[in-house]
Amino acid sequence: MTPLPAPSAPDLTTLVTLVVLIGLAALCAATDAAIGTAARARLKALAERPGARAATWALAMADTPERTAAALRLGQIFALGVALAMILADWPEQMGWAFGVMAACAFLGDLLPRYLASAAAEGVALRLAPVMRGPVLVLGTLPWLVARLLRAAGVETDPEARMQAMRDEILGAIALGHSEGAVEKEDRDRLIGALDLAERTVEEVMKHRRHIEMIDADHPAEAILSQVLGSPHTRLPVYRDDVENIIGVIHAKDLLREVERLLRGGEGQLSDLDLMKVAMKPYFVPETTALDEQMREFLKRRTHFALVVDEYGALQGLITLEDILEEIVGEITDEFDVVRKDTTLRPDANGDYIIDGAMTIRDLNRAMEWQLPDDEANTIAGLVIHEAQMIPNEGQVFSFHGFRFEVAARRENRLTQLKIRPL
C-alpha cells in the first residue's frame, strides 16, 4: 500500500491570491446583505440630498434587487470557486490546508460579512456601493442575457412575483413582530387589513340588497321626507316600480335644502317637491372590483356611495367608503349606529360562542384569532351551508375545520344564529 505524501504548505503567491479571492467574496456577500436589508425609503431620502452619489448608487442597486443579487452572488461564487480550485489542485498533498481554506471561505467569505453588514445595513451600503457599482454592472449583464434567452425560448417570468414576495415579506415581519410583542394585535390587524385590500373584492364587504333601505319615487313627498328624517343613513337609493330599477341616490342634506327652499322661500308647497331634481345619478360598480381599486375610485370621484351589480347588471348590494375603511381600522360607529354595550364574544357554560349568521368569517377570525377559511363563503352561515351542502335545520350539528357548529336559529332559508365551539 502506497503511503500518502506528507502535507505541504502553499507558496506565498498562492496564499496572497487566496486572501484576495476570499476578500472579494466577502465584499460581494456584505454588499448583497446590506442592499437587501437596507430600508429603501431611507436610501431614497439620503439620495435626495445634494451630492449624495453613494446613496444614489446604493438606491439604484436596491431598485433592481434581482439583478443586483444575481451579480453579487455570481461574483461570490466565482471568487470562492477559484480559491477552492487552487487549493484542491494539489490534493492530497495540501489536504490539511484545503480544509482550512474551505472553513475560511464559508466563515470569512460569507457568514461573517453578511452578519456584520446586516447589523448596519444603510452605512455598509453607502460605503460599498461606490466600490461594487462597477462589478455589479458588469456581472449583472450575464443574468440579464440568461433572462432574455429564456424569454426567447418561451419561458416567461412572473412579473407579479417580486410584488408578491415583498408582500409576503411584510406580512412575515408583521407576524413576527406580533409574536414577539413588538406589534399590538390592533396594529397588526390594521396593517394586514390595508395589505389585504388588493386581494379582496367589493362583493365580500358590501351590504346585501336584502338590508338596503330604499325610497320609492312614487310615494308622496310627506312620506319620503319622513322616511329620510327617520333613517340612520344620509344617502338612500331611489327606485321606481321595481327595486331593481334604481333611478337615483338622495342625500338627506340635498333633500332638506330643497324642502327649505320650497317652504321658506314661498315658492311652493311640500307636495310640489320634485325628488329627481335633487337626486344624484347612481354610481354602479361590478361586484368583482378589488377594494383598493374601489377606494381609489371613491376618492377620485369624491363620492362615498356605490351600488354593486353582478355580471348581468342585477343589483347585489351597496358599498360605501366607510365599509372599506372598516376593513382596516375595524368597526366605525357614529351617533346613529345602534351599538351594544358589550360586543365582546364570550363562551357560554358549554364553551359555545353565539355568533350571528351574517357575521363575516374575516371579522370572526380577527376577533377570535381563528383560522376559518373564507375562500368559498363570506359569512359564517355561508360557510356552514357550503360545508353541509344543504340548508340545515335548527339544532343540526356539524364538525369541520376543527370546530363544532350548531344551528341555533333559522329564519326561512337564512341561518340567523350559530353556536361555535373549538374542538
Protein backbone atom coordinates (compact mmCIF):
# COMPACT_ATOMS: atom_id res chain seq x y z
CA MET A 1 0.00 0.00 0.00
CA THR A 2 1.48 3.33 -1.10
CA PRO A 3 1.62 5.87 1.79
CA LEU A 4 0.07 9.33 1.34
CA PRO A 5 2.60 12.09 0.69
CA ALA A 6 3.30 14.48 3.55
CA PRO A 7 1.20 17.67 3.51
CA SER A 8 2.95 20.73 2.16
CA ALA A 9 2.16 24.42 2.65
CA PRO A 10 1.16 26.56 -0.35
CA ASP A 11 3.63 29.18 -1.51
CA LEU A 12 3.33 32.88 -0.71
CA THR A 13 1.78 33.77 -4.07
CA THR A 14 -0.96 31.22 -3.57
CA LEU A 15 -1.65 32.48 -0.05
CA VAL A 16 -1.92 36.10 -1.21
CA THR A 17 -4.22 35.06 -4.06
CA LEU A 18 -6.43 33.11 -1.65
CA VAL A 19 -6.68 36.10 0.69
CA VAL A 20 -7.65 38.38 -2.21
CA LEU A 21 -10.28 35.94 -3.51
CA ILE A 22 -11.83 35.42 -0.08
CA GLY A 23 -11.80 39.20 0.40
CA LEU A 24 -13.65 39.69 -2.90
CA ALA A 25 -16.19 37.07 -1.88
CA ALA A 26 -16.64 38.84 1.45
CA LEU A 27 -17.25 42.17 -0.33
CA CYS A 28 -19.92 40.57 -2.53
CA ALA A 29 -21.60 38.92 0.47
CA ALA A 30 -21.54 42.11 2.54
CA THR A 31 -22.92 44.22 -0.32
CA ASP A 32 -25.66 41.68 -1.01
CA ALA A 33 -26.70 41.62 2.65
CA ALA A 34 -26.52 45.41 3.05
CA ILE A 35 -28.51 46.23 -0.09
CA GLY A 36 -31.09 43.56 0.69
CA THR A 37 -31.52 44.64 4.32
CA ALA A 38 -31.26 48.42 3.99
CA ALA A 39 -34.51 50.37 4.18
CA ARG A 40 -35.24 51.60 0.67
CA ALA A 41 -37.13 54.63 1.99
CA ARG A 42 -34.05 55.63 4.00
CA LEU A 43 -31.77 55.25 0.96
CA LYS A 44 -34.18 57.33 -1.12
CA ALA A 45 -34.20 60.10 1.47
CA LEU A 46 -30.39 60.11 1.56
CA ALA A 47 -30.17 60.09 -2.24
CA GLU A 48 -32.28 63.27 -2.45
CA ARG A 49 -29.62 65.24 -0.60
CA PRO A 50 -27.21 67.28 -2.74
CA GLY A 51 -24.02 65.43 -3.66
CA ALA A 52 -25.13 62.08 -2.20
CA ARG A 53 -23.64 59.98 -5.00
CA ALA A 54 -23.05 56.92 -2.82
CA ALA A 55 -26.70 56.91 -1.71
CA THR A 56 -27.81 57.32 -5.33
CA TRP A 57 -25.75 54.31 -6.40
CA ALA A 58 -26.97 52.25 -3.44
CA LEU A 59 -30.58 53.15 -4.29
CA ALA A 60 -30.05 52.20 -7.93
CA MET A 61 -28.80 48.78 -6.81
CA ALA A 62 -31.74 48.40 -4.42
CA ASP A 63 -34.19 49.30 -7.20
CA THR A 64 -33.05 46.26 -9.22
CA PRO A 65 -32.82 43.63 -6.47
CA GLU A 66 -32.92 40.56 -8.71
CA ARG A 67 -30.13 41.75 -11.00
CA THR A 68 -28.02 43.08 -8.11
CA ALA A 69 -28.36 39.90 -6.05
CA ALA A 70 -27.62 37.69 -9.06
CA ALA A 71 -24.50 39.69 -9.95
CA LEU A 72 -23.14 39.72 -6.39
CA ARG A 73 -23.77 36.03 -5.84
CA LEU A 74 -22.20 35.24 -9.18
CA GLY A 75 -19.10 37.19 -8.15
CA GLN A 76 -19.02 35.48 -4.78
CA ILE A 77 -19.36 32.01 -6.32
CA PHE A 78 -16.62 32.79 -8.85
CA ALA A 79 -14.17 34.04 -6.17
CA LEU A 80 -14.79 31.14 -3.80
CA GLY A 81 -14.76 28.64 -6.65
CA VAL A 82 -11.34 29.80 -7.86
CA ALA A 83 -9.99 29.75 -4.29
CA LEU A 84 -11.13 26.18 -3.73
CA ALA A 85 -9.90 25.09 -7.15
CA MET A 86 -6.42 26.44 -6.38
CA ILE A 87 -6.09 24.58 -3.11
CA LEU A 88 -7.64 21.36 -4.42
CA ALA A 89 -5.35 21.28 -7.45
CA ASP A 90 -2.58 19.75 -5.33
CA TRP A 91 -4.82 17.32 -3.43
CA PRO A 92 -3.92 15.31 -1.38
CA GLU A 93 -0.54 16.99 -0.77
CA GLN A 94 -2.30 20.06 0.64
CA MET A 95 -5.21 18.20 2.26
CA GLY A 96 -4.78 19.92 5.63
CA TRP A 97 -4.66 23.36 4.05
CA ALA A 98 -7.70 22.52 1.92
CA PHE A 99 -9.95 22.06 4.93
CA GLY A 100 -8.68 25.31 6.41
CA VAL A 101 -9.37 27.22 3.19
CA MET A 102 -12.86 25.71 2.97
CA ALA A 103 -13.62 26.88 6.51
CA ALA A 104 -12.23 30.35 5.71
CA CYS A 105 -14.35 30.55 2.55
CA ALA A 106 -17.53 29.67 4.47
CA PHE A 107 -16.89 31.86 7.50
CA LEU A 108 -14.84 34.81 6.22
CA GLY A 109 -16.18 34.80 2.67
CA ASP A 110 -19.90 34.58 3.51
CA LEU A 111 -21.23 34.20 7.07
CA LEU A 112 -19.25 36.89 8.90
CA PRO A 113 -19.57 39.69 6.29
CA ARG A 114 -23.31 39.05 5.91
CA TYR A 115 -23.85 39.22 9.66
CA LEU A 116 -21.82 42.41 10.07
CA ALA A 117 -23.42 44.10 7.04
CA SER A 118 -26.96 43.30 8.22
CA ALA A 119 -26.23 44.91 11.59
CA ALA A 120 -25.54 48.31 9.95
CA ALA A 121 -27.18 47.92 6.56
CA GLU A 122 -27.51 51.56 5.43
CA GLY A 123 -23.97 52.53 6.46
CA VAL A 124 -22.38 49.49 4.82
CA ALA A 125 -24.46 50.00 1.67
CA LEU A 126 -23.26 53.61 1.35
CA ARG A 127 -19.61 52.59 1.81
CA LEU A 128 -19.64 49.61 -0.53
CA ALA A 129 -21.91 50.95 -3.29
CA PRO A 130 -19.14 53.06 -4.94
CA VAL A 131 -16.74 50.10 -4.82
CA MET A 132 -19.15 47.42 -6.06
CA ARG A 133 -21.12 49.51 -8.56
CA GLY A 134 -18.82 48.62 -11.45
CA PRO A 135 -18.63 44.86 -10.80
CA VAL A 136 -22.42 44.73 -10.39
CA LEU A 137 -22.94 46.46 -13.74
CA VAL A 138 -20.54 44.06 -15.47
CA LEU A 139 -21.63 40.83 -13.80
CA GLY A 140 -25.30 41.84 -13.99
CA THR A 141 -25.24 41.51 -17.77
CA LEU A 142 -24.99 37.71 -17.53
CA PRO A 143 -28.29 37.22 -15.62
CA TRP A 144 -29.87 39.75 -17.99
CA LEU A 145 -28.71 37.72 -21.00
CA VAL A 146 -29.95 34.49 -19.42
CA ALA A 147 -33.38 36.07 -18.81
CA ARG A 148 -33.51 37.24 -22.44
CA LEU A 149 -32.59 33.76 -23.71
CA LEU A 150 -35.23 32.13 -21.51
CA ARG A 151 -37.82 34.61 -22.74
CA ALA A 152 -36.86 33.87 -26.34
CA ALA A 153 -37.27 30.17 -25.58
CA GLY A 154 -40.79 30.79 -24.32
CA VAL A 155 -40.05 30.70 -20.59
CA GLU A 156 -41.82 33.72 -19.10
CA THR A 157 -41.11 35.02 -15.61
CA ASP A 158 -43.98 36.16 -13.44
CA PRO A 159 -43.97 40.00 -13.31
CA GLU A 160 -46.01 39.89 -10.09
CA ALA A 161 -43.57 37.57 -8.32
CA ARG A 162 -41.48 40.43 -6.91
CA MET A 163 -44.52 42.28 -5.57
CA GLN A 164 -45.91 39.09 -4.04
CA ALA A 165 -42.54 38.35 -2.45
CA MET A 166 -42.40 41.86 -0.98
CA ARG A 167 -45.94 41.48 0.35
CA ASP A 168 -45.14 38.12 1.92
CA GLU A 169 -42.01 39.61 3.49
CA ILE A 170 -44.02 42.46 5.03
CA LEU A 171 -46.68 40.07 6.32
CA GLY A 172 -43.99 37.87 7.81
CA ALA A 173 -42.37 40.84 9.55
CA ILE A 174 -45.74 41.92 10.98
CA ALA A 175 -46.49 38.40 12.23
CA LEU A 176 -43.03 38.11 13.77
CA GLY A 177 -43.36 41.48 15.46
CA HIS A 178 -46.73 40.48 16.92
CA SER A 179 -45.44 37.14 18.18
CA GLU A 180 -42.53 38.89 19.91
CA GLY A 181 -44.76 41.54 21.47
CA ALA A 182 -43.43 44.47 19.44
CA VAL A 183 -46.68 44.91 17.45
CA GLU A 184 -50.06 45.06 19.21
CA LYS A 185 -52.95 42.97 17.89
CA GLU A 186 -54.93 46.05 16.83
CA ASP A 187 -51.95 47.45 14.92
CA ARG A 188 -51.30 44.07 13.31
CA ASP A 189 -54.94 43.82 12.18
CA ARG A 190 -54.85 47.32 10.68
CA LEU A 191 -51.62 46.69 8.78
CA ILE A 192 -52.80 43.33 7.44
CA GLY A 193 -56.19 44.84 6.58
CA ALA A 194 -54.53 47.53 4.48
CA LEU A 195 -52.36 44.98 2.67
CA ASP A 196 -55.35 42.72 2.00
CA LEU A 197 -57.39 45.38 0.18
CA ALA A 198 -55.86 44.35 -3.14
CA GLU A 199 -56.76 40.69 -2.53
CA ARG A 200 -60.42 41.25 -1.62
CA THR A 201 -63.41 42.28 -3.71
CA VAL A 202 -66.41 44.54 -3.25
CA GLU A 203 -68.69 41.50 -3.04
CA GLU A 204 -67.04 40.39 0.21
CA VAL A 205 -67.79 43.55 2.21
CA MET A 206 -70.89 45.06 0.56
CA LYS A 207 -74.23 45.42 2.34
CA HIS A 208 -76.53 42.82 0.78
CA ARG A 209 -79.55 44.11 -1.14
CA ARG A 210 -81.83 42.48 1.46
CA HIS A 211 -80.62 45.06 4.01
CA ILE A 212 -80.67 48.16 1.76
CA GLU A 213 -83.15 50.88 2.70
CA MET A 214 -84.64 52.45 -0.43
CA ILE A 215 -87.04 55.25 -1.35
CA ASP A 216 -89.99 54.66 -3.67
CA ALA A 217 -90.05 57.60 -6.07
CA ASP A 218 -93.86 57.31 -6.40
CA HIS A 219 -94.51 57.85 -2.69
CA PRO A 220 -95.92 61.21 -1.55
CA ALA A 221 -93.42 63.90 -0.64
CA GLU A 222 -94.52 63.84 3.02
CA ALA A 223 -93.81 60.09 3.28
CA ILE A 224 -90.43 60.48 1.59
CA LEU A 225 -89.43 63.32 3.92
CA SER A 226 -90.49 61.31 6.98
CA GLN A 227 -88.51 58.30 5.78
CA VAL A 228 -85.36 60.36 5.20
CA LEU A 229 -85.63 62.09 8.59
CA GLY A 230 -86.15 58.78 10.37
CA SER A 231 -83.38 56.92 8.58
CA PRO A 232 -79.93 56.42 10.14
CA HIS A 233 -78.43 56.80 6.65
CA THR A 234 -77.60 60.06 4.89
CA ARG A 235 -77.72 58.57 1.38
CA LEU A 236 -80.62 56.45 0.13
CA PRO A 237 -81.17 54.85 -3.31
CA VAL A 238 -84.34 55.83 -5.16
CA TYR A 239 -86.26 53.27 -7.24
CA ARG A 240 -89.36 53.32 -9.40
CA ASP A 241 -91.78 50.40 -9.96
CA ASP A 242 -89.18 47.76 -9.02
CA VAL A 243 -86.31 47.74 -6.53
CA GLU A 244 -84.00 46.63 -9.35
CA ASN A 245 -84.77 49.88 -11.19
CA ILE A 246 -82.54 52.33 -9.31
CA ILE A 247 -83.00 55.80 -10.80
CA GLY A 248 -81.02 57.93 -8.38
CA VAL A 249 -79.50 58.47 -4.95
CA ILE A 250 -80.82 61.03 -2.46
CA HIS A 251 -78.62 62.80 0.07
CA ALA A 252 -80.57 63.91 3.13
CA LYS A 253 -78.92 67.34 3.14
CA ASP A 254 -79.85 67.98 -0.51
CA LEU A 255 -83.46 66.96 0.16
CA LEU A 256 -83.78 69.19 3.22
CA ARG A 257 -82.23 72.09 1.36
CA GLU A 258 -84.86 71.73 -1.39
CA VAL A 259 -87.67 71.45 1.17
CA GLU A 260 -86.41 74.59 2.90
CA ARG A 261 -86.39 76.43 -0.45
CA LEU A 262 -89.97 75.41 -1.18
CA LEU A 263 -91.44 76.19 2.23
CA ARG A 264 -89.47 79.18 3.47
CA GLY A 265 -88.92 80.75 0.12
CA GLY A 266 -92.61 80.79 -0.63
CA GLU A 267 -92.01 79.13 -3.99
CA GLY A 268 -94.45 76.27 -3.43
CA GLN A 269 -95.70 73.55 -1.15
CA LEU A 270 -94.17 70.29 0.02
CA SER A 271 -96.35 68.43 -2.44
CA ASP A 272 -94.53 70.26 -5.24
CA LEU A 273 -91.27 68.53 -4.31
CA ASP A 274 -89.55 67.06 -7.38
CA LEU A 275 -87.47 64.21 -5.99
CA MET A 276 -85.43 63.72 -9.16
CA LYS A 277 -84.40 67.36 -9.11
CA VAL A 278 -82.20 66.71 -6.07
CA ALA A 279 -81.33 63.06 -6.77
CA MET A 280 -77.80 62.24 -7.84
CA LYS A 281 -77.03 59.88 -10.69
CA PRO A 282 -76.49 56.35 -9.33
CA TYR A 283 -72.95 55.03 -9.43
CA PHE A 284 -72.76 51.31 -10.25
CA VAL A 285 -69.70 49.10 -9.76
CA PRO A 286 -69.12 45.40 -10.56
CA GLU A 287 -69.00 43.01 -7.62
CA THR A 288 -65.56 41.76 -8.68
CA THR A 289 -63.84 45.14 -8.18
CA ALA A 290 -60.85 44.98 -5.81
CA LEU A 291 -61.27 47.02 -2.64
CA ASP A 292 -58.10 49.09 -3.14
CA GLU A 293 -59.22 50.00 -6.65
CA GLN A 294 -62.71 50.91 -5.42
CA MET A 295 -61.28 53.10 -2.68
CA ARG A 296 -59.22 54.99 -5.27
CA GLU A 297 -62.35 55.44 -7.39
CA PHE A 298 -64.27 56.83 -4.42
CA LEU A 299 -61.51 59.35 -3.76
CA LYS A 300 -61.24 60.23 -7.44
CA ARG A 301 -65.00 60.77 -7.85
CA ARG A 302 -65.32 62.47 -4.44
CA THR A 303 -68.20 60.19 -3.50
CA HIS A 304 -68.70 57.68 -0.72
CA PHE A 305 -71.54 55.53 -2.08
CA ALA A 306 -71.85 52.96 -4.87
CA LEU A 307 -74.37 50.30 -5.89
CA VAL A 308 -72.97 46.85 -6.62
CA VAL A 309 -74.18 44.80 -9.59
CA ASP A 310 -73.31 41.35 -10.93
CA GLU A 311 -72.27 40.41 -14.45
CA TYR A 312 -75.91 40.59 -15.61
CA GLY A 313 -76.44 44.07 -14.19
CA ALA A 314 -78.66 42.85 -11.35
CA LEU A 315 -78.42 44.72 -8.07
CA GLN A 316 -76.47 42.78 -5.44
CA GLY A 317 -75.88 45.36 -2.72
CA LEU A 318 -74.19 48.64 -1.91
CA ILE A 319 -70.78 49.65 -0.66
CA THR A 320 -69.50 52.82 0.95
CA LEU A 321 -66.08 54.25 1.62
CA GLU A 322 -66.73 53.57 5.31
CA ASP A 323 -67.17 49.85 4.57
CA ILE A 324 -63.69 49.74 3.03
CA LEU A 325 -62.10 51.75 5.84
CA GLU A 326 -63.65 49.37 8.38
CA GLU A 327 -61.66 46.54 6.81
CA ILE A 328 -58.55 48.40 8.01
CA VAL A 329 -59.49 50.06 11.30
CA GLY A 330 -62.37 47.85 12.41
CA GLU A 331 -65.96 48.83 13.16
CA ILE A 332 -66.70 52.56 12.86
CA THR A 333 -69.74 53.82 14.77
CA ASP A 334 -71.43 57.20 14.98
CA GLU A 335 -74.36 58.70 16.88
CA PHE A 336 -76.87 56.98 14.59
CA ASP A 337 -75.48 53.46 14.88
CA VAL A 338 -77.08 51.02 17.28
CA VAL A 339 -74.21 49.84 19.48
CA ARG A 340 -74.45 47.08 22.02
CA LYS A 341 -72.84 47.87 25.35
CA ASP A 342 -70.69 44.73 25.21
CA THR A 343 -69.66 43.38 21.83
CA THR A 344 -67.02 41.01 23.19
CA LEU A 345 -67.51 37.40 22.16
CA ARG A 346 -67.58 35.20 25.23
CA PRO A 347 -68.29 31.47 25.53
CA ASP A 348 -71.31 30.18 27.41
CA ALA A 349 -71.21 27.48 30.07
CA ASN A 350 -70.71 24.80 27.41
CA GLY A 351 -67.87 26.66 25.72
CA ASP A 352 -70.04 27.69 22.74
CA TYR A 353 -69.81 31.14 21.15
CA ILE A 354 -73.16 32.55 19.97
CA ILE A 355 -72.46 34.04 16.53
CA ASP A 356 -74.74 35.98 14.18
CA GLY A 357 -75.01 34.05 10.93
CA ALA A 358 -74.41 37.23 8.93
CA MET A 359 -71.06 37.89 10.63
CA THR A 360 -68.21 37.66 8.17
CA ILE A 361 -65.64 34.93 8.55
CA ARG A 362 -62.90 37.54 8.39
CA ASP A 363 -64.33 39.53 11.30
CA LEU A 364 -64.71 36.39 13.40
CA ASN A 365 -61.15 35.29 12.62
CA ARG A 366 -59.87 38.74 13.53
CA ALA A 367 -61.81 38.85 16.80
CA MET A 368 -61.03 35.32 17.96
CA GLU A 369 -57.62 34.66 16.36
CA TRP A 370 -59.15 31.73 14.47
CA GLN A 371 -58.24 30.47 11.00
CA LEU A 372 -61.59 29.55 9.44
CA PRO A 373 -61.32 29.52 5.62
CA ASP A 374 -63.11 32.26 3.67
CA ASP A 375 -62.37 31.08 0.14
CA GLU A 376 -65.85 29.68 -0.57
CA ALA A 377 -68.04 31.87 1.64
CA ASN A 378 -68.04 35.34 3.17
CA THR A 379 -70.24 34.75 6.21
CA ILE A 380 -70.37 32.13 8.95
CA ALA A 381 -73.79 30.99 7.74
CA GLY A 382 -72.44 30.69 4.22
CA LEU A 383 -69.53 28.57 5.44
CA VAL A 384 -71.88 26.14 7.22
CA ILE A 385 -74.16 25.88 4.18
CA HIS A 386 -71.17 25.30 1.89
CA GLU A 387 -69.69 22.57 4.07
CA ALA A 388 -73.06 20.90 4.74
CA GLN A 389 -74.08 21.11 1.06
CA MET A 390 -77.60 21.94 2.27
CA ILE A 391 -79.54 24.49 4.32
CA PRO A 392 -79.54 22.79 7.73
CA ASN A 393 -82.42 22.91 10.17
CA GLU A 394 -82.34 24.36 13.65
CA GLY A 395 -80.50 22.07 16.04
CA GLN A 396 -78.35 20.30 13.44
CA VAL A 397 -74.68 19.92 14.37
CA PHE A 398 -71.61 19.75 12.11
CA SER A 399 -67.89 19.42 12.72
CA PHE A 400 -65.29 20.71 10.27
CA HIS A 401 -62.07 22.76 10.23
CA GLY A 402 -61.51 21.88 13.90
CA PHE A 403 -64.77 23.47 15.13
CA ARG A 404 -68.24 22.31 16.15
CA PHE A 405 -71.10 24.23 14.52
CA GLU A 406 -74.70 24.07 15.74
CA VAL A 407 -77.59 25.87 14.05
CA ALA A 408 -79.17 27.84 16.91
CA ALA A 409 -81.78 29.73 14.87
CA ARG A 410 -83.09 29.64 11.32
CA ARG A 411 -85.48 32.07 9.64
CA GLU A 412 -86.83 30.89 6.30
CA ASN A 413 -83.71 29.96 4.32
CA ARG A 414 -81.31 32.00 6.45
CA LEU A 415 -79.20 30.75 9.33
CA THR A 416 -79.55 33.68 11.71
CA GLN A 417 -77.64 32.34 14.70
CA LEU A 418 -75.00 29.66 15.23
CA LYS A 419 -73.15 28.15 18.16
CA ILE A 420 -69.45 27.58 17.50
CA ARG A 421 -67.01 25.74 19.72
CA PRO A 422 -63.35 24.89 19.04
CA LEU A 423 -62.73 21.14 19.23
